[in-house]
Amino acid sequence: MTSINNIPDMPALRSEIDALDLELMALLARRHALIDRAAQIKTGNGWPARIPKRVEEVVANVRGHAMQHGLDPDLYDRIWRILIDAAIAQEERQLNKDRP
């Protein structure tokens, strides 16, 4: 990875951003796979997809991480709530796949 201050021009900067976006997608794909596993575990335990206490715990963690990195916690709160809603929908599809 190139030091940010050593990026010489916009094409190089855009290349760095594109590479980072690719890394983010790989991380999101791993998160997606982990959500599939969570649904399997929840099915075996009879747990619902949405566990409100856990949702708020995840969001609180994200807000703290955002602040530690000098990022806007409100923005990442909103982004993560979208990710969480998508994850819950993904789990619900798994949990309900055998229901008529």
C-alpha atoms as a PDB file:
ATOM      1  CA  MET A   1       0.000   0.000   0.000  1.00  0.00           C
ATOM      2  CA  THR A   2       1.278   3.432  -0.954  1.00  0.00           C
ATOM      3  CA  SER A   3       1.493   6.134   1.706  1.00  0.00           C
ATOM      4  CA  ILE A   4      -1.356   8.565   1.067  1.00  0.00           C
ATOM      5  CA  ASN A   5       1.016  11.531   0.938  1.00  0.00           C
ATOM      6  CA  ASN A   6       3.140   9.787  -1.693  1.00  0.00           C
ATOM      7  CA  ILE A   7       0.308   9.327  -4.194  1.00  0.00           C
ATOM      8  CA  PRO A   8       1.461  11.529  -7.068  1.00  0.00           C
ATOM      9  CA  ASP A   9      -1.709  12.239  -9.051  1.00  0.00           C
ATOM     10  CA  MET A  10      -5.415  11.549  -9.520  1.00  0.00           C
ATOM     11  CA  PRO A  11      -5.016   8.402 -11.670  1.00  0.00           C
ATOM     12  CA  ALA A  12      -2.805   6.861  -8.969  1.00  0.00           C
ATOM     13  CA  LEU A  13      -5.202   7.998  -6.242  1.00  0.00           C
ATOM     14  CA  ARG A  14      -8.164   6.519  -8.111  1.00  0.00           C
ATOM     15  CA  SER A  15      -6.265   3.278  -8.517  1.00  0.00           C
ATOM     16  CA  GLU A  16      -5.712   3.144  -4.750  1.00  0.00           C
ATOM     17  CA  ILE A  17      -9.399   3.801  -4.112  1.00  0.00           C
ATOM     18  CA  ASP A  18     -10.395   1.096  -6.612  1.00  0.00           C
ATOM     19  CA  ALA A  19      -8.066  -1.385  -4.906  1.00  0.00           C
ATOM     20  CA  LEU A  20      -9.503  -0.484  -1.515  1.00  0.00           C
ATOM     21  CA  ASP A  21     -13.046  -0.917  -2.850  1.00  0.00           C
ATOM     22  CA  LEU A  22     -12.087  -4.413  -4.003  1.00  0.00           C
ATOM     23  CA  GLU A  23     -10.770  -5.216  -0.513  1.00  0.00           C
ATOM     24  CA  LEU A  24     -13.981  -3.879   1.031  1.00  0.00           C
ATOM     25  CA  MET A  25     -16.064  -6.101  -1.242  1.00  0.00           C
ATOM     26  CA  ALA A  26     -14.046  -9.145  -0.184  1.00  0.00           C
ATOM     27  CA  LEU A  27     -14.672  -8.244   3.456  1.00  0.00           C
ATOM     28  CA  LEU A  28     -18.383  -7.769   2.787  1.00  0.00           C
ATOM     29  CA  ALA A  29     -18.510 -11.155   1.042  1.00  0.00           C
ATOM     30  CA  ARG A  30     -16.935 -12.725   4.147  1.00  0.00           C
ATOM     31  CA  ARG A  31     -19.500 -10.935   6.320  1.00  0.00           C
ATOM     32  CA  HIS A  32     -22.246 -12.322   4.051  1.00  0.00           C
ATOM     33  CA  ALA A  33     -20.910 -15.861   4.530  1.00  0.00           C
ATOM     34  CA  LEU A  34     -20.794 -15.338   8.291  1.00  0.00           C
ATOM     35  CA  ILE A  35     -24.439 -14.239   8.209  1.00  0.00           C
ATOM     36  CA  ASP A  36     -25.328 -17.488   6.411  1.00  0.00           C
ATOM     37  CA  ARG A  37     -23.614 -19.367   9.220  1.00  0.00           C
ATOM     38  CA  ALA A  38     -25.424 -17.275  11.832  1.00  0.00           C
ATOM     39  CA  ALA A  39     -28.731 -18.284  10.236  1.00  0.00           C
ATOM     40  CA  GLN A  40     -27.745 -21.958  10.451  1.00  0.00           C
ATOM     41  CA  ILE A  41     -26.886 -21.601  14.125  1.00  0.00           C
ATOM     42  CA  LYS A  42     -30.051 -19.636  14.852  1.00  0.00           C
ATOM     43  CA  THR A  43     -32.142 -22.294  13.092  1.00  0.00           C
ATOM     44  CA  GLY A  44     -30.654 -24.975  15.318  1.00  0.00           C
ATOM     45  CA  ASN A  45     -31.355 -22.918  18.437  1.00  0.00           C
ATOM     46  CA  GLY A  46     -34.783 -21.634  17.410  1.00  0.00           C
ATOM     47  CA  TRP A  47     -33.613 -18.023  17.588  1.00  0.00           C
ATOM     48  CA  PRO A  48     -35.124 -15.217  15.509  1.00  0.00           C
ATOM     49  CA  ALA A  49     -33.200 -13.386  12.827  1.00  0.00           C
ATOM     50  CA  ARG A  50     -33.559 -10.020  14.582  1.00  0.00           C
ATOM     51  CA  ILE A  51     -32.208  -9.805  18.102  1.00  0.00           C
ATOM     52  CA  PRO A  52     -32.642  -6.121  19.016  1.00  0.00           C
ATOM     53  CA  LYS A  53     -30.062  -6.144  21.823  1.00  0.00           C
ATOM     54  CA  ARG A  54     -27.427  -7.477  19.404  1.00  0.00           C
ATOM     55  CA  VAL A  55     -28.368  -4.922  16.745  1.00  0.00           C
ATOM     56  CA  GLU A  56     -27.785  -2.088  19.197  1.00  0.00           C
ATOM     57  CA  GLU A  57     -24.553  -3.688  20.425  1.00  0.00           C
ATOM     58  CA  VAL A  58     -23.197  -3.855  16.855  1.00  0.00           C
ATOM     59  CA  VAL A  59     -24.200  -0.255  16.145  1.00  0.00           C
ATOM     60  CA  ALA A  60     -22.599   0.949  19.399  1.00  0.00           C
ATOM     61  CA  ASN A  61     -19.388  -0.882  18.453  1.00  0.00           C
ATOM     62  CA  VAL A  62     -19.400   0.706  15.000  1.00  0.00           C
ATOM     63  CA  ARG A  63     -19.974   4.172  16.410  1.00  0.00           C
ATOM     64  CA  GLY A  64     -17.029   3.695  18.766  1.00  0.00           C
ATOM     65  CA  HIS A  65     -14.781   2.415  15.977  1.00  0.00           C
ATOM     66  CA  ALA A  66     -15.786   5.349  13.778  1.00  0.00           C
ATOM     67  CA  MET A  67     -14.896   7.830  16.505  1.00  0.00           C
ATOM     68  CA  GLN A  68     -11.546   6.107  17.108  1.00  0.00           C
ATOM     69  CA  HIS A  69     -10.735   6.611  13.427  1.00  0.00           C
ATOM     70  CA  GLY A  70     -11.917  10.215  13.296  1.00  0.00           C
ATOM     71  CA  LEU A  71     -14.985   9.344  11.239  1.00  0.00           C
ATOM     72  CA  ASP A  72     -18.565  10.566  11.594  1.00  0.00           C
ATOM     73  CA  PRO A  73     -20.304   8.076  13.924  1.00  0.00           C
ATOM     74  CA  ASP A  74     -23.760   9.112  12.681  1.00  0.00           C
ATOM     75  CA  LEU A  75     -22.843   8.275   9.101  1.00  0.00           C
ATOM     76  CA  TYR A  76     -21.488   4.834  10.000  1.00  0.00           C
ATOM     77  CA  ASP A  77     -24.466   4.218  12.271  1.00  0.00           C
ATOM     78  CA  ARG A  78     -26.722   4.704   9.226  1.00  0.00           C
ATOM     79  CA  ILE A  79     -24.510   2.590   6.957  1.00  0.00           C
ATOM     80  CA  TRP A  80     -24.340  -0.264   9.449  1.00  0.00           C
ATOM     81  CA  ARG A  81     -28.069  -0.218  10.084  1.00  0.00           C
ATOM     82  CA  ILE A  82     -28.521  -0.772   6.340  1.00  0.00           C
ATOM     83  CA  LEU A  83     -26.007  -3.661   6.483  1.00  0.00           C
ATOM     84  CA  ILE A  84     -27.769  -5.088   9.535  1.00  0.00           C
ATOM     85  CA  ASP A  85     -31.204  -4.850   7.898  1.00  0.00           C
ATOM     86  CA  ALA A  86     -29.831  -6.664   4.842  1.00  0.00           C
ATOM     87  CA  ALA A  87     -28.237  -9.310   7.072  1.00  0.00           C
ATOM     88  CA  ILE A  88     -31.489  -9.846   8.957  1.00  0.00           C
ATOM     89  CA  ALA A  89     -33.371 -10.213   5.664  1.00  0.00           C
ATOM     90  CA  GLN A  90     -30.717 -12.712   4.536  1.00  0.00           C
ATOM     91  CA  GLU A  91     -31.136 -14.680   7.778  1.00  0.00           C
ATOM     92  CA  GLU A  92     -34.931 -14.568   7.530  1.00  0.00           C
ATOM     93  CA  ARG A  93     -34.765 -16.075   4.040  1.00  0.00           C
ATOM     94  CA  GLN A  94     -32.667 -18.920   5.477  1.00  0.00           C
ATOM     95  CA  LEU A  95     -34.883 -19.356   8.539  1.00  0.00           C
ATOM     96  CA  ASN A  96     -38.073 -19.382   6.472  1.00  0.00           C
ATOM     97  CA  LYS A  97     -36.912 -21.429   3.486  1.00  0.00           C
ATOM     98  CA  ASP A  98     -38.700 -24.595   4.649  1.00  0.00           C
ATOM     99  CA  ARG A  99     -41.935 -22.834   5.572  1.00  0.00           C
ATOM    100  CA  PRO A 100     -44.859 -22.906   3.131  1.00  0.00           C
END
